[in-house]
Each structure stands twice: as C-alpha cells, then as structure tokens.
Amino acid sequence: MKRIIFLSVLVLLVTGGLLFAQSSTSSGGRGGAKTFDLTITSNVGSAQVFINGAAQNNKGMPFTASGLAGGSYNVVVKAPGYQDGSASVNLTANQTVTINLNSMTAALT
C-alpha cells in the first residue's frame, strides 16, 4: 500500500513539473515579439521628446526609447525658444532619427 502511494506521489510530481516547465514563456526568445530601439538626436541638447504624444523621461540628447514594437510612431521634439520639430517613423529595425530645431528669435543683421 505504501508503495502505491509513493509511486502515485512520484508520478504527480514528475508530471506536474513537466507541465509547469512547458508553460513558461520568454519574450526574448524565438517565440517572443521583436522589439527595437529608437534613438532621437537633436541640435538642442535639453529638448523634450514626445513619442505618439507621450512625454518621454529623457535627460538630454541623444535619447533612446528601448523595447518598442515595430510600427509607426510620431516623434516630436520641443524646447523653449525653438519651433517644435517632428518626424514620422516606421520602425522595422533599430533606428536613429535626427530632429533639428529652429530658433524662434530672428537673427539681427
């Protein structure tokens, strides 16, 4: 009787362990979705970056948004005293985009 209980428990442990091992997934493996890095540079080092309308927590330039899914993104760069700059990006691989801003003050001649 003890032997039957022991074998039953052993079978449950082994098959349960196999079920849990097969149910785990990894986003970085072959079956995971591909993600990309989008690096934004600008001539204004303190400019703020917005991706699809959401402000990014960038601390200067260049700024890299990591782990983005492939697809279309609208990137806007803003800084006080400068006209906003923007670019549309179709992200299919790691990519760098440069968005230079123009000063709103007229040059004196």
Protein backbone atom coordinates (compact mmCIF):
# COMPACT_ATOMS: atom_id res chain seq x y z
CA MET A 1 0.00 0.00 0.00
CA LYS A 2 2.85 2.42 0.89
CA ARG A 3 4.50 1.58 -2.41
CA ILE A 4 1.34 2.54 -4.41
CA ILE A 5 1.04 5.86 -2.57
CA PHE A 6 4.75 6.57 -3.09
CA LEU A 7 4.52 5.81 -6.83
CA SER A 8 1.35 7.91 -7.18
CA VAL A 9 3.01 10.90 -5.50
CA LEU A 10 6.12 10.45 -7.62
CA VAL A 11 4.08 10.38 -10.84
CA LEU A 12 2.20 13.52 -9.80
CA LEU A 13 5.42 15.37 -9.00
CA VAL A 14 7.11 14.40 -12.25
CA THR A 15 4.13 15.18 -14.49
CA GLY A 16 3.35 18.38 -12.60
CA GLY A 17 6.92 19.58 -13.03
CA LEU A 18 6.79 18.89 -16.75
CA LEU A 19 3.55 20.82 -17.11
CA PHE A 20 4.98 23.87 -15.36
CA ALA A 21 8.22 23.70 -17.34
CA GLN A 22 6.32 23.69 -20.63
CA SER A 23 4.03 26.56 -19.69
CA SER A 24 6.73 29.19 -19.21
CA THR A 25 7.34 31.71 -21.98
CA SER A 26 10.02 34.20 -22.76
CA SER A 27 9.56 37.48 -24.61
CA GLY A 28 13.20 37.49 -25.63
CA GLY A 29 13.26 34.04 -27.19
CA ARG A 30 12.38 32.81 -30.63
CA GLY A 31 8.64 32.91 -29.91
CA GLY A 32 8.68 36.43 -28.41
CA ALA A 33 7.70 39.59 -30.23
CA LYS A 34 10.57 41.53 -31.76
CA THR A 35 11.31 44.89 -30.19
CA PHE A 36 13.53 47.70 -31.38
CA ASP A 37 15.38 50.78 -30.13
CA LEU A 38 14.57 54.24 -31.46
CA THR A 39 17.29 56.82 -30.84
CA ILE A 40 16.45 60.51 -31.23
CA THR A 41 19.10 63.20 -31.61
CA SER A 42 18.70 66.96 -31.86
CA ASN A 43 20.78 70.10 -32.07
CA VAL A 44 19.23 71.23 -28.76
CA GLY A 45 20.64 69.05 -26.00
CA SER A 46 17.94 69.90 -23.45
CA ALA A 47 14.98 69.25 -25.77
CA GLN A 48 12.00 67.19 -24.57
CA VAL A 49 10.97 64.12 -26.60
CA PHE A 50 7.37 63.00 -27.18
CA ILE A 51 6.52 59.68 -28.82
CA ASN A 52 2.93 59.32 -30.01
CA GLY A 53 2.01 62.25 -27.77
CA ALA A 54 3.54 60.79 -24.60
CA ALA A 55 6.34 62.76 -22.93
CA GLN A 56 9.49 60.70 -22.50
CA ASN A 57 11.68 60.94 -19.41
CA ASN A 58 14.77 61.99 -21.33
CA LYS A 59 17.60 63.79 -19.59
CA GLY A 60 19.20 65.18 -22.72
CA MET A 61 20.28 64.13 -26.17
CA PRO A 62 20.65 61.63 -27.61
CA PHE A 63 17.64 59.80 -26.18
CA THR A 64 16.91 56.11 -26.80
CA ALA A 65 13.47 54.56 -26.39
CA SER A 66 14.08 50.84 -25.94
CA GLY A 67 11.79 47.87 -26.39
CA LEU A 68 9.41 49.41 -28.92
CA ALA A 69 7.30 47.14 -31.07
CA GLY A 70 7.63 47.53 -34.81
CA GLY A 71 5.20 50.00 -36.35
CA SER A 72 4.52 53.68 -36.95
CA TYR A 73 5.49 56.33 -34.44
CA ASN A 74 5.12 60.11 -34.40
CA VAL A 75 8.12 61.76 -32.71
CA VAL A 76 8.02 65.41 -31.59
CA VAL A 77 10.95 67.31 -30.08
CA LYS A 78 10.30 70.54 -28.13
CA ALA A 79 12.46 73.13 -26.40
CA PRO A 80 11.72 76.63 -25.08
CA GLY A 81 12.66 79.29 -27.64
CA TYR A 82 12.57 76.83 -30.55
CA GLN A 83 9.95 75.74 -33.05
CA ASP A 84 8.77 72.17 -32.44
CA GLY A 85 10.27 69.57 -34.74
CA SER A 86 8.66 66.29 -35.73
CA ALA A 87 9.20 63.12 -37.71
CA SER A 88 7.11 60.10 -38.64
CA VAL A 89 8.99 56.84 -38.14
CA ASN A 90 8.11 53.37 -39.42
CA LEU A 91 10.14 51.24 -37.03
CA THR A 92 11.23 47.90 -38.52
CA ALA A 93 14.75 47.76 -37.02
CA ASN A 94 16.86 49.73 -34.57
CA GLN A 95 16.87 53.27 -35.91
CA THR A 96 18.28 56.75 -35.25
CA VAL A 97 16.32 59.89 -36.16
CA THR A 98 17.73 63.41 -36.06
CA ILE A 99 15.26 66.24 -35.48
CA ASN A 100 16.91 69.65 -35.52
CA LEU A 101 15.02 72.63 -34.09
CA ASN A 102 14.93 76.19 -35.45
CA SER A 103 15.25 79.14 -33.09
CA MET A 104 12.17 81.37 -32.82
CA THR A 105 14.31 84.50 -32.37
CA ALA A 106 15.25 86.34 -35.53
CA ALA A 107 18.93 86.87 -36.18
CA LEU A 108 19.99 90.51 -36.13
CA THR A 109 21.99 91.74 -39.06
